[in-house]
Amino acid sequence: PDIPPFKSFFLDRIIGEMRKKDTADADTGKIQKDSIIDYVINKNGSDIREIIIKNYKEKERVNEIINTAGWSLTRMLENIKK
């Protein structure tokens, strides 16, 4: 879904920056390419059913993902109601 701020903030900025760092680490051999953070969004029609985050690796990342996902989804719901 392209409802702000889910894609622009959560996917592009938060997960996107983590992916950039992982890609750079994979390029230098610090991690394997199959360890780069990734996500899958399963939908039921246009509704998000689940978000699967793969290869998050660190506890700090888990906390950031949970916090920003919650914030993004809350704002997204507010934007839908407007």
PDB file of N, CA and C in Angstrom:
ATOM      1  N   PRO A   1       0.821  -1.198   0.000  1.00  0.00           N
ATOM      2  CA  PRO A   1       0.000   0.000   0.000  1.00  0.00           C
ATOM      3  C   PRO A   1       0.863   1.260   0.000  1.00  0.00           C
ATOM      4  N   ASP A   2       0.423   2.231  -0.742  1.00  0.00           N
ATOM      5  CA  ASP A   2       1.192   3.463  -0.861  1.00  0.00           C
ATOM      6  C   ASP A   2       0.663   4.563   0.041  1.00  0.00           C
ATOM      7  N   ILE A   3      -0.141   4.214   1.024  1.00  0.00           N
ATOM      8  CA  ILE A   3      -0.679   5.218   1.935  1.00  0.00           C
ATOM      9  C   ILE A   3       0.441   5.689   2.855  1.00  0.00           C
ATOM     10  N   PRO A   4       0.714   7.007   2.874  1.00  0.00           N
ATOM     11  CA  PRO A   4       1.783   7.513   3.739  1.00  0.00           C
ATOM     12  C   PRO A   4       1.466   7.248   5.197  1.00  0.00           C
ATOM     13  N   PRO A   5       2.456   7.036   6.022  1.00  0.00           N
ATOM     14  CA  PRO A   5       3.895   6.990   5.741  1.00  0.00           C
ATOM     15  C   PRO A   5       4.430   5.571   5.608  1.00  0.00           C
ATOM     16  N   PHE A   6       3.566   4.594   5.313  1.00  0.00           N
ATOM     17  CA  PHE A   6       4.005   3.202   5.302  1.00  0.00           C
ATOM     18  C   PHE A   6       5.133   2.967   4.304  1.00  0.00           C
ATOM     19  N   LYS A   7       4.894   3.282   3.038  1.00  0.00           N
ATOM     20  CA  LYS A   7       5.932   3.040   2.036  1.00  0.00           C
ATOM     21  C   LYS A   7       7.057   4.062   2.138  1.00  0.00           C
ATOM     22  N   SER A   8       6.707   5.331   2.177  1.00  0.00           N
ATOM     23  CA  SER A   8       7.733   6.380   2.146  1.00  0.00           C
ATOM     24  C   SER A   8       8.635   6.356   3.372  1.00  0.00           C
ATOM     25  N   PHE A   9       8.085   6.106   4.526  1.00  0.00           N
ATOM     26  CA  PHE A   9       8.893   6.128   5.749  1.00  0.00           C
ATOM     27  C   PHE A   9       9.357   4.730   6.143  1.00  0.00           C
ATOM     28  N   PHE A  10       8.412   3.826   6.360  1.00  0.00           N
ATOM     29  CA  PHE A  10       8.779   2.519   6.899  1.00  0.00           C
ATOM     30  C   PHE A  10       9.558   1.670   5.890  1.00  0.00           C
ATOM     31  N   LEU A  11       9.004   1.479   4.702  1.00  0.00           N
ATOM     32  CA  LEU A  11       9.674   0.607   3.735  1.00  0.00           C
ATOM     33  C   LEU A  11      10.888   1.271   3.100  1.00  0.00           C
ATOM     34  N   ASP A  12      10.709   2.483   2.577  1.00  0.00           N
ATOM     35  CA  ASP A  12      11.810   3.122   1.851  1.00  0.00           C
ATOM     36  C   ASP A  12      12.912   3.630   2.773  1.00  0.00           C
ATOM     37  N   ARG A  13      12.530   4.282   3.857  1.00  0.00           N
ATOM     38  CA  ARG A  13      13.548   4.902   4.705  1.00  0.00           C
ATOM     39  C   ARG A  13      14.111   3.943   5.756  1.00  0.00           C
ATOM     40  N   ILE A  14      13.266   3.318   6.544  1.00  0.00           N
ATOM     41  CA  ILE A  14      13.747   2.468   7.634  1.00  0.00           C
ATOM     42  C   ILE A  14      14.325   1.159   7.094  1.00  0.00           C
ATOM     43  N   ILE A  15      13.504   0.371   6.418  1.00  0.00           N
ATOM     44  CA  ILE A  15      13.984  -0.909   5.884  1.00  0.00           C
ATOM     45  C   ILE A  15      14.993  -0.659   4.762  1.00  0.00           C
ATOM     46  N   GLY A  16      14.743   0.359   3.946  1.00  0.00           N
ATOM     47  CA  GLY A  16      15.651   0.687   2.841  1.00  0.00           C
ATOM     48  C   GLY A  16      17.054   1.020   3.308  1.00  0.00           C
ATOM     49  N   GLU A  17      17.172   1.787   4.389  1.00  0.00           N
ATOM     50  CA  GLU A  17      18.497   2.122   4.924  1.00  0.00           C
ATOM     51  C   GLU A  17      19.192   0.891   5.501  1.00  0.00           C
ATOM     52  N   MET A  18      18.422   0.035   6.158  1.00  0.00           N
ATOM     53  CA  MET A  18      19.003  -1.214   6.677  1.00  0.00           C
ATOM     54  C   MET A  18      19.497  -2.081   5.515  1.00  0.00           C
ATOM     55  N   ARG A  19      18.720  -2.102   4.430  1.00  0.00           N
ATOM     56  CA  ARG A  19      19.112  -2.895   3.257  1.00  0.00           C
ATOM     57  C   ARG A  19      20.382  -2.329   2.619  1.00  0.00           C
ATOM     58  N   LYS A  20      20.482  -0.990   2.556  1.00  0.00           N
ATOM     59  CA  LYS A  20      21.695  -0.366   2.005  1.00  0.00           C
ATOM     60  C   LYS A  20      22.927  -0.772   2.800  1.00  0.00           C
ATOM     61  N   LYS A  21      22.810  -0.730   4.135  1.00  0.00           N
ATOM     62  CA  LYS A  21      23.930  -1.101   5.001  1.00  0.00           C
ATOM     63  C   LYS A  21      24.288  -2.573   4.799  1.00  0.00           C
ATOM     64  N   ASP A  22      23.274  -3.429   4.757  1.00  0.00           N
ATOM     65  CA  ASP A  22      23.525  -4.860   4.554  1.00  0.00           C
ATOM     66  C   ASP A  22      24.164  -5.124   3.193  1.00  0.00           C
ATOM     67  N   THR A  23      23.699  -4.427   2.165  1.00  0.00           N
ATOM     68  CA  THR A  23      24.263  -4.605   0.828  1.00  0.00           C
ATOM     69  C   THR A  23      25.731  -4.195   0.817  1.00  0.00           C
ATOM     70  N   ALA A  24      26.045  -3.075   1.472  1.00  0.00           N
ATOM     71  CA  ALA A  24      27.438  -2.636   1.573  1.00  0.00           C
ATOM     72  C   ALA A  24      28.266  -3.671   2.338  1.00  0.00           C
ATOM     73  N   ASP A  25      27.700  -4.210   3.427  1.00  0.00           N
ATOM     74  CA  ASP A  25      28.407  -5.241   4.199  1.00  0.00           C
ATOM     75  C   ASP A  25      28.604  -6.511   3.371  1.00  0.00           C
ATOM     76  N   ALA A  26      27.634  -6.849   2.539  1.00  0.00           N
ATOM     77  CA  ALA A  26      27.761  -8.030   1.673  1.00  0.00           C
ATOM     78  C   ALA A  26      28.827  -7.792   0.605  1.00  0.00           C
ATOM     79  N   ASP A  27      28.884  -6.566   0.096  1.00  0.00           N
ATOM     80  CA  ASP A  27      29.884  -6.238  -0.923  1.00  0.00           C
ATOM     81  C   ASP A  27      31.306  -6.330  -0.382  1.00  0.00           C
ATOM     82  N   THR A  28      31.474  -6.052   0.911  1.00  0.00           N
ATOM     83  CA  THR A  28      32.813  -6.128   1.515  1.00  0.00           C
ATOM     84  C   THR A  28      33.080  -7.484   2.162  1.00  0.00           C
ATOM     85  N   GLY A  29      32.105  -8.386   2.097  1.00  0.00           N
ATOM     86  CA  GLY A  29      32.299  -9.723   2.631  1.00  0.00           C
ATOM     87  C   GLY A  29      31.993  -9.880   4.114  1.00  0.00           C
ATOM     88  N   LYS A  30      31.473  -8.830   4.750  1.00  0.00           N
ATOM     89  CA  LYS A  30      31.131  -8.926   6.180  1.00  0.00           C
ATOM     90  C   LYS A  30      29.973  -9.881   6.422  1.00  0.00           C
ATOM     91  N   ILE A  31      29.012  -9.881   5.496  1.00  0.00           N
ATOM     92  CA  ILE A  31      27.871 -10.802   5.596  1.00  0.00           C
ATOM     93  C   ILE A  31      27.655 -11.456   4.232  1.00  0.00           C
ATOM     94  N   GLN A  32      26.923 -12.544   4.233  1.00  0.00           N
ATOM     95  CA  GLN A  32      26.562 -13.222   2.982  1.00  0.00           C
ATOM     96  C   GLN A  32      25.434 -12.446   2.302  1.00  0.00           C
ATOM     97  N   LYS A  33      25.391 -12.527   0.981  1.00  0.00           N
ATOM     98  CA  LYS A  33      24.322 -11.829   0.249  1.00  0.00           C
ATOM     99  C   LYS A  33      22.934 -12.324   0.662  1.00  0.00           C
ATOM    100  N   ASP A  34      22.830 -13.600   1.043  1.00  0.00           N
ATOM    101  CA  ASP A  34      21.520 -14.115   1.448  1.00  0.00           C
ATOM    102  C   ASP A  34      21.150 -13.716   2.876  1.00  0.00           C
ATOM    103  N   SER A  35      22.005 -12.895   3.514  1.00  0.00           N
ATOM    104  CA  SER A  35      21.712 -12.373   4.858  1.00  0.00           C
ATOM    105  C   SER A  35      21.219 -10.931   4.835  1.00  0.00           C
ATOM    106  N   ILE A  36      21.055 -10.361   3.643  1.00  0.00           N
ATOM    107  CA  ILE A  36      20.579  -8.981   3.514  1.00  0.00           C
ATOM    108  C   ILE A  36      19.117  -8.917   3.958  1.00  0.00           C
ATOM    109  N   ILE A  37      18.789  -7.893   4.744  1.00  0.00           N
ATOM    110  CA  ILE A  37      17.408  -7.738   5.225  1.00  0.00           C
ATOM    111  C   ILE A  37      16.448  -7.669   4.040  1.00  0.00           C
ATOM    112  N   ASP A  38      15.299  -8.279   4.226  1.00  0.00           N
ATOM    113  CA  ASP A  38      14.292  -8.291   3.174  1.00  0.00           C
ATOM    114  C   ASP A  38      12.916  -8.346   3.832  1.00  0.00           C
ATOM    115  N   TYR A  39      11.885  -8.107   3.062  1.00  0.00           N
ATOM    116  CA  TYR A  39      10.531  -8.171   3.614  1.00  0.00           C
ATOM    117  C   TYR A  39       9.560  -8.709   2.578  1.00  0.00           C
ATOM    118  N   VAL A  40       8.472  -9.245   3.086  1.00  0.00           N
ATOM    119  CA  VAL A  40       7.363  -9.708   2.256  1.00  0.00           C
ATOM    120  C   VAL A  40       6.105  -9.124   2.868  1.00  0.00           C
ATOM    121  N   ILE A  41       5.250  -8.556   2.033  1.00  0.00           N
ATOM    122  CA  ILE A  41       3.965  -8.043   2.503  1.00  0.00           C
ATOM    123  C   ILE A  41       2.881  -8.909   1.879  1.00  0.00           C
ATOM    124  N   ASN A  42       2.171  -9.625   2.719  1.00  0.00           N
ATOM    125  CA  ASN A  42       1.058 -10.453   2.248  1.00  0.00           C
ATOM    126  C   ASN A  42      -0.227  -9.664   2.435  1.00  0.00           C
ATOM    127  N   LYS A  43      -1.005  -9.611   1.358  1.00  0.00           N
ATOM    128  CA  LYS A  43      -2.228  -8.813   1.389  1.00  0.00           C
ATOM    129  C   LYS A  43      -3.452  -9.683   1.160  1.00  0.00           C
ATOM    130  N   ASN A  44      -4.559  -9.166   1.603  1.00  0.00           N
ATOM    131  CA  ASN A  44      -5.865  -9.736   1.296  1.00  0.00           C
ATOM    132  C   ASN A  44      -6.579  -8.636   0.529  1.00  0.00           C
ATOM    133  N   GLY A  45      -6.529  -8.690  -0.781  1.00  0.00           N
ATOM    134  CA  GLY A  45      -7.010  -7.572  -1.589  1.00  0.00           C
ATOM    135  C   GLY A  45      -6.045  -6.414  -1.409  1.00  0.00           C
ATOM    136  N   SER A  46      -6.549  -5.267  -0.981  1.00  0.00           N
ATOM    137  CA  SER A  46      -5.672  -4.120  -0.740  1.00  0.00           C
ATOM    138  C   SER A  46      -5.286  -4.000   0.730  1.00  0.00           C
ATOM    139  N   ASP A  47      -5.805  -4.895   1.571  1.00  0.00           N
ATOM    140  CA  ASP A  47      -5.500  -4.858   3.007  1.00  0.00           C
ATOM    141  C   ASP A  47      -4.229  -5.647   3.314  1.00  0.00           C
ATOM    142  N   ILE A  48      -3.402  -5.091   4.181  1.00  0.00           N
ATOM    143  CA  ILE A  48      -2.209  -5.807   4.629  1.00  0.00           C
ATOM    144  C   ILE A  48      -2.643  -6.889   5.607  1.00  0.00           C
ATOM    145  N   ARG A  49      -2.248  -8.120   5.316  1.00  0.00           N
ATOM    146  CA  ARG A  49      -2.562  -9.236   6.206  1.00  0.00           C
ATOM    147  C   ARG A  49      -1.395  -9.502   7.142  1.00  0.00           C
ATOM    148  N   GLU A  50      -0.172  -9.458   6.592  1.00  0.00           N
ATOM    149  CA  GLU A  50       1.008  -9.640   7.427  1.00  0.00           C
ATOM    150  C   GLU A  50       2.223  -9.033   6.748  1.00  0.00           C
ATOM    151  N   ILE A  51       3.189  -8.678   7.572  1.00  0.00           N
ATOM    152  CA  ILE A  51       4.469  -8.165   7.100  1.00  0.00           C
ATOM    153  C   ILE A  51       5.523  -9.098   7.679  1.00  0.00           C
ATOM    154  N   ILE A  52       6.308  -9.706   6.807  1.00  0.00           N
ATOM    155  CA  ILE A  52       7.368 -10.612   7.249  1.00  0.00           C
ATOM    156  C   ILE A  52       8.703  -9.936   6.967  1.00  0.00           C
ATOM    157  N   ILE A  53       9.481  -9.745   8.019  1.00  0.00           N
ATOM    158  CA  ILE A  53      10.817  -9.159   7.886  1.00  0.00           C
ATOM    159  C   ILE A  53      11.823 -10.290   8.056  1.00  0.00           C
ATOM    160  N   LYS A  54      12.692 -10.456   7.070  1.00  0.00           N
ATOM    161  CA  LYS A  54      13.698 -11.519   7.110  1.00  0.00           C
ATOM    162  C   LYS A  54      15.084 -10.914   7.308  1.00  0.00           C
ATOM    163  N   ASN A  55      15.923 -11.626   8.023  1.00  0.00           N
ATOM    164  CA  ASN A  55      17.335 -11.253   8.200  1.00  0.00           C
ATOM    165  C   ASN A  55      17.525  -9.919   8.913  1.00  0.00           C
ATOM    166  N   TYR A  56      16.752  -9.677   9.956  1.00  0.00           N
ATOM    167  CA  TYR A  56      16.906  -8.419  10.698  1.00  0.00           C
ATOM    168  C   TYR A  56      18.150  -8.432  11.581  1.00  0.00           C
ATOM    169  N   LYS A  57      18.635  -9.603  11.925  1.00  0.00           N
ATOM    170  CA  LYS A  57      19.904  -9.842  12.625  1.00  0.00           C
ATOM    171  C   LYS A  57      20.025  -9.329  14.057  1.00  0.00           C
ATOM    172  N   GLU A  58      19.868  -8.048  14.304  1.00  0.00           N
ATOM    173  CA  GLU A  58      20.213  -7.465  15.613  1.00  0.00           C
ATOM    174  C   GLU A  58      18.972  -7.056  16.404  1.00  0.00           C
ATOM    175  N   LYS A  59      19.091  -7.149  17.726  1.00  0.00           N
ATOM    176  CA  LYS A  59      17.984  -6.759  18.608  1.00  0.00           C
ATOM    177  C   LYS A  59      17.609  -5.289  18.395  1.00  0.00           C
ATOM    178  N   GLU A  60      18.607  -4.437  18.171  1.00  0.00           N
ATOM    179  CA  GLU A  60      18.334  -3.013  17.947  1.00  0.00           C
ATOM    180  C   GLU A  60      17.456  -2.827  16.709  1.00  0.00           C
ATOM    181  N   ARG A  61      17.727  -3.613  15.692  1.00  0.00           N
ATOM    182  CA  ARG A  61      16.916  -3.532  14.477  1.00  0.00           C
ATOM    183  C   ARG A  61      15.486  -3.975  14.751  1.00  0.00           C
ATOM    184  N   VAL A  62      15.333  -5.044  15.521  1.00  0.00           N
ATOM    185  CA  VAL A  62      13.988  -5.533  15.852  1.00  0.00           C
ATOM    186  C   VAL A  62      13.204  -4.427  16.543  1.00  0.00           C
ATOM    187  N   ASN A  63      13.827  -3.786  17.527  1.00  0.00           N
ATOM    188  CA  ASN A  63      13.157  -2.701  18.252  1.00  0.00           C
ATOM    189  C   ASN A  63      12.781  -1.562  17.312  1.00  0.00           C
ATOM    190  N   GLU A  64      13.703  -1.166  16.437  1.00  0.00           N
ATOM    191  CA  GLU A  64      13.422  -0.076  15.500  1.00  0.00           C
ATOM    192  C   GLU A  64      12.296  -0.463  14.534  1.00  0.00           C
ATOM    193  N   ILE A  65      12.328  -1.693  14.047  1.00  0.00           N
ATOM    194  CA  ILE A  65      11.295  -2.161  13.118  1.00  0.00           C
ATOM    195  C   ILE A  65       9.926  -2.158  13.795  1.00  0.00           C
ATOM    196  N   ILE A  66       9.855  -2.708  15.002  1.00  0.00           N
ATOM    197  CA  ILE A  66       8.573  -2.771  15.717  1.00  0.00           C
ATOM    198  C   ILE A  66       8.048  -1.367  16.008  1.00  0.00           C
ATOM    199  N   ASN A  67       8.912  -0.499  16.505  1.00  0.00           N
ATOM    200  CA  ASN A  67       8.483   0.862  16.846  1.00  0.00           C
ATOM    201  C   ASN A  67       8.035   1.648  15.615  1.00  0.00           C
ATOM    202  N   THR A  68       8.826   1.598  14.551  1.00  0.00           N
ATOM    203  CA  THR A  68       8.477   2.384  13.364  1.00  0.00           C
ATOM    204  C   THR A  68       7.302   1.767  12.607  1.00  0.00           C
ATOM    205  N   ALA A  69       7.170   0.450  12.628  1.00  0.00           N
ATOM    206  CA  ALA A  69       6.015  -0.184  11.980  1.00  0.00           C
ATOM    207  C   ALA A  69       4.735   0.226  12.699  1.00  0.00           C
ATOM    208  N   GLY A  70       4.757   0.179  14.021  1.00  0.00           N
ATOM    209  CA  GLY A  70       3.582   0.589  14.800  1.00  0.00           C
ATOM    210  C   GLY A  70       3.205   2.031  14.531  1.00  0.00           C
ATOM    211  N   TRP A  71       4.206   2.902  14.545  1.00  0.00           N
ATOM    212  CA  TRP A  71       3.964   4.325  14.285  1.00  0.00           C
ATOM    213  C   TRP A  71       3.415   4.517  12.866  1.00  0.00           C
ATOM    214  N   SER A  72       4.051   3.871  11.889  1.00  0.00           N
ATOM    215  CA  SER A  72       3.638   4.020  10.487  1.00  0.00           C
ATOM    216  C   SER A  72       2.221   3.520  10.254  1.00  0.00           C
ATOM    217  N   LEU A  73       1.897   2.368  10.828  1.00  0.00           N
ATOM    218  CA  LEU A  73       0.554   1.810  10.633  1.00  0.00           C
ATOM    219  C   LEU A  73      -0.510   2.665  11.308  1.00  0.00           C
ATOM    220  N   THR A  74      -0.184   3.214  12.476  1.00  0.00           N
ATOM    221  CA  THR A  74      -1.121   4.115  13.159  1.00  0.00           C
ATOM    222  C   THR A  74      -1.393   5.349  12.305  1.00  0.00           C
ATOM    223  N   ARG A  75      -0.332   5.975  11.782  1.00  0.00           N
ATOM    224  CA  ARG A  75      -0.487   7.158  10.925  1.00  0.00           C
ATOM    225  C   ARG A  75      -1.245   6.795   9.651  1.00  0.00           C
ATOM    226  N   MET A  76      -0.952   5.622   9.101  1.00  0.00           N
ATOM    227  CA  MET A  76      -1.617   5.177   7.885  1.00  0.00           C
ATOM    228  C   MET A  76      -3.125   5.067   8.117  1.00  0.00           C
ATOM    229  N   LEU A  77      -3.514   4.480   9.232  1.00  0.00           N
ATOM    230  CA  LEU A  77      -4.939   4.363   9.557  1.00  0.00           C
ATOM    231  C   LEU A  77      -5.580   5.735   9.736  1.00  0.00           C
ATOM    232  N   GLU A  78      -4.845   6.661  10.359  1.00  0.00           N
ATOM    233  CA  GLU A  78      -5.362   8.027  10.508  1.00  0.00           C
ATOM    234  C   GLU A  78      -5.570   8.669   9.141  1.00  0.00           C
ATOM    235  N   ASN A  79      -4.639   8.443   8.211  1.00  0.00           N
ATOM    236  CA  ASN A  79      -4.756   9.014   6.866  1.00  0.00           C
ATOM    237  C   ASN A  79      -5.928   8.416   6.098  1.00  0.00           C
ATOM    238  N   ILE A  80      -6.217   7.144   6.329  1.00  0.00           N
ATOM    239  CA  ILE A  80      -7.346   6.497   5.658  1.00  0.00           C
ATOM    240  C   ILE A  80      -8.664   7.098   6.141  1.00  0.00           C
ATOM    241  N   LYS A  81      -8.750   7.406   7.428  1.00  0.00           N
ATOM    242  CA  LYS A  81      -9.992   7.917   8.021  1.00  0.00           C
ATOM    243  C   LYS A  81     -10.296   9.353   7.621  1.00  0.00           C
ATOM    244  N   LYS A  82      -9.285  10.081   7.125  1.00  0.00           N
ATOM    245  CA  LYS A  82      -9.490  11.494   6.771  1.00  0.00           C
ATOM    246  C   LYS A  82     -10.364  11.625   5.546  1.00  0.00           C
TER     247      LYS A  82
END
